[in-house]
Every structure is written in structure tokens, then in C-alpha cells.
Amino acid sequence: MNPGAPSHRNAPQGAKVVTQNLGVPNPDSEQYPCIGPGFRLQWESAQNCHVLLYPEGMVKLNQSAGEILKRCDGSHSLSALIAALEQAFQAQGLASEVTDFLRQAQQQRWIVWRPAPTTPSVP
């Protein structure tokens, strides 16, 4: 377990977490990762990195984790998030590493998965 990472017992009371599928969706999934309830991602100048804040403390993130989590805003599907990272870093084949990280982040409840945003129907 990652020292300083919140455990399940540290999750905020009443937090709604998607639990029906504890595995991370495949990269072609249309589920959207979001920062979990009770957590806040921010850039911390004093630490010179992104941090994930929660009521009991803070997780200092490495550059890769920060770049992934800052895209977990509910507006990017997993496949779009991976494509954006591959374009930003001019790299290919990041799906496995990103998916592995998101699986760990979900286990720590740093992220939750939401269905694709719906657009209102026009009468």
C-alpha cells in the first residue's frame, strides 16, 4: 500500500462510489473518470507538484499521476483521456500504464467512474 494514501476507512462518510464494477473499464469504454468525493486535486507550489487533498491529509503525486488525474474531470472518456496523454507527450501505447494507474486510483477511491454525460433531448 502507498504510504500516505487514504485507505477505504478514510473515505468520506456517505461517499457514493461506483462499486458494481471494481475493475477499470477497457480503453474503448465510454465511462468517464472523475476525482472521488472528498478529494481535491490541486497544484501545490510549495511541493512543486500536483497533490490530492482529502480531509485527513494529502497525497503528493508524481508528474505522471498528476497529468492523468488532472484529466479526470468527468469530461473525458477513458479512451479520450489516453489519446490526450499520448498527444501531449508524443507517445504511443500508454493505455496499459494509464489503465493500471487508474485501477489503483479507483481502489484508493481517488476516482470514481461515471457514465457518459447525457445531452438533453430536443422535443
Protein backbone atom coordinates (compact mmCIF):
# COMPACT_ATOMS: atom_id res chain seq x y z
CA MET A 1 0.00 0.00 0.00
CA ASN A 2 1.19 3.51 -0.79
CA PRO A 3 2.22 5.32 2.40
CA GLY A 4 0.15 8.45 2.84
CA ALA A 5 -2.55 7.16 0.54
CA PRO A 6 -6.02 7.10 2.03
CA SER A 7 -7.47 3.74 2.90
CA HIS A 8 -11.11 2.76 2.47
CA ARG A 9 -11.76 3.58 6.12
CA ASN A 10 -10.63 7.15 5.39
CA ALA A 11 -13.22 7.61 2.64
CA PRO A 12 -15.72 10.35 3.45
CA GLN A 13 -18.92 9.18 5.15
CA GLY A 14 -21.74 8.66 2.66
CA ALA A 15 -19.43 8.86 -0.36
CA LYS A 16 -21.12 7.50 -3.46
CA VAL A 17 -18.62 5.26 -5.17
CA VAL A 18 -19.31 3.06 -8.17
CA THR A 19 -18.90 -0.43 -6.77
CA GLN A 20 -20.67 -2.67 -9.24
CA ASN A 21 -17.52 -2.91 -11.34
CA LEU A 22 -14.32 -2.64 -9.34
CA GLY A 23 -12.28 -3.27 -12.48
CA VAL A 24 -11.35 -0.39 -14.72
CA PRO A 25 -13.25 -0.31 -18.00
CA ASN A 26 -11.45 -1.13 -21.22
CA PRO A 27 -9.92 1.84 -23.05
CA ASP A 28 -12.79 1.86 -25.53
CA SER A 29 -15.30 2.21 -22.68
CA GLU A 30 -17.47 5.26 -22.57
CA GLN A 31 -17.23 5.65 -18.81
CA TYR A 32 -15.72 8.86 -17.52
CA PRO A 33 -13.27 9.04 -14.59
CA CYS A 34 -13.80 11.80 -12.00
CA ILE A 35 -11.96 12.73 -8.84
CA GLY A 36 -13.70 10.92 -5.99
CA PRO A 37 -15.93 12.56 -3.39
CA GLY A 38 -13.93 14.04 -0.54
CA PHE A 39 -10.79 14.51 -2.66
CA ARG A 40 -9.48 17.63 -4.40
CA LEU A 41 -6.67 17.79 -6.92
CA GLN A 42 -4.55 20.92 -7.00
CA TRP A 43 -1.11 22.21 -7.92
CA GLU A 44 0.94 22.84 -4.79
CA SER A 45 3.70 25.37 -5.46
CA ALA A 46 5.47 24.58 -2.18
CA GLN A 47 5.69 20.90 -3.18
CA ASN A 48 6.28 21.72 -6.88
CA CYS A 49 3.78 19.04 -7.88
CA HIS A 50 0.12 18.13 -8.01
CA VAL A 51 -1.34 16.89 -4.75
CA LEU A 52 -4.55 15.10 -3.92
CA LEU A 53 -6.11 16.59 -0.79
CA TYR A 54 -8.55 14.76 1.47
CA PRO A 55 -9.83 15.64 4.97
CA GLU A 56 -7.17 13.64 6.79
CA GLY A 57 -4.19 14.65 4.69
CA MET A 58 -2.56 14.89 1.32
CA VAL A 59 -1.05 12.59 -1.29
CA LYS A 60 1.94 14.03 -3.16
CA LEU A 61 1.70 12.89 -6.78
CA ASN A 62 4.49 12.25 -9.25
CA GLN A 63 4.31 14.01 -12.62
CA SER A 64 2.63 11.10 -14.42
CA ALA A 65 -0.06 10.70 -11.76
CA GLY A 66 -0.74 14.44 -11.79
CA GLU A 67 -1.07 14.51 -15.56
CA ILE A 68 -3.52 11.60 -15.51
CA LEU A 69 -5.62 12.84 -12.60
CA LYS A 70 -5.91 16.40 -13.86
CA ARG A 71 -7.76 14.93 -16.86
CA CYS A 72 -10.18 13.01 -14.59
CA ASP A 73 -12.73 15.79 -14.62
CA GLY A 74 -15.77 13.92 -15.91
CA SER A 75 -15.49 15.39 -19.40
CA HIS A 76 -13.05 12.82 -20.86
CA SER A 77 -13.86 9.17 -21.50
CA LEU A 78 -11.06 6.77 -20.70
CA SER A 79 -10.19 6.42 -24.39
CA ALA A 80 -10.18 10.22 -24.86
CA LEU A 81 -8.02 10.65 -21.75
CA ILE A 82 -5.45 8.17 -23.09
CA ALA A 83 -5.48 9.84 -26.52
CA ALA A 84 -4.93 13.26 -24.91
CA LEU A 85 -1.96 11.96 -22.89
CA GLU A 86 -0.43 10.28 -25.94
CA GLN A 87 -0.77 13.51 -27.91
CA ALA A 88 0.53 15.74 -25.08
CA PHE A 89 3.61 13.59 -24.54
CA GLN A 90 4.07 12.48 -28.16
CA ALA A 91 3.96 8.84 -27.05
CA GLN A 92 2.06 5.74 -28.13
CA GLY A 93 0.96 2.68 -26.20
CA LEU A 94 0.12 4.38 -22.89
CA ALA A 95 -3.22 2.58 -22.46
CA SER A 96 -1.89 -0.21 -20.26
CA GLU A 97 0.05 2.08 -17.92
CA VAL A 98 -2.80 4.59 -17.64
CA THR A 99 -5.35 1.83 -17.04
CA ASP A 100 -3.14 0.25 -14.36
CA PHE A 101 -2.75 3.58 -12.59
CA LEU A 102 -6.49 4.28 -12.75
CA ARG A 103 -7.21 0.82 -11.35
CA GLN A 104 -5.00 1.67 -8.35
CA ALA A 105 -6.56 5.13 -8.05
CA GLN A 106 -10.02 3.56 -8.02
CA GLN A 107 -9.01 1.10 -5.30
CA GLN A 108 -7.85 4.08 -3.23
CA ARG A 109 -11.15 5.86 -4.07
CA TRP A 110 -9.26 8.74 -5.61
CA ILE A 111 -11.50 8.38 -8.68
CA VAL A 112 -15.00 7.16 -9.45
CA TRP A 113 -16.44 6.16 -12.80
CA ARG A 114 -19.47 7.90 -14.25
CA PRO A 115 -21.48 7.09 -17.36
CA ALA A 116 -21.20 9.33 -20.39
CA PRO A 117 -22.82 12.72 -19.86
CA THR A 118 -26.24 12.84 -21.42
CA THR A 119 -27.35 15.62 -23.69
CA PRO A 120 -30.88 16.89 -23.26
CA SER A 121 -33.26 15.62 -25.90
CA VAL A 122 -34.85 18.20 -28.16
CA PRO A 123 -38.65 17.91 -28.37
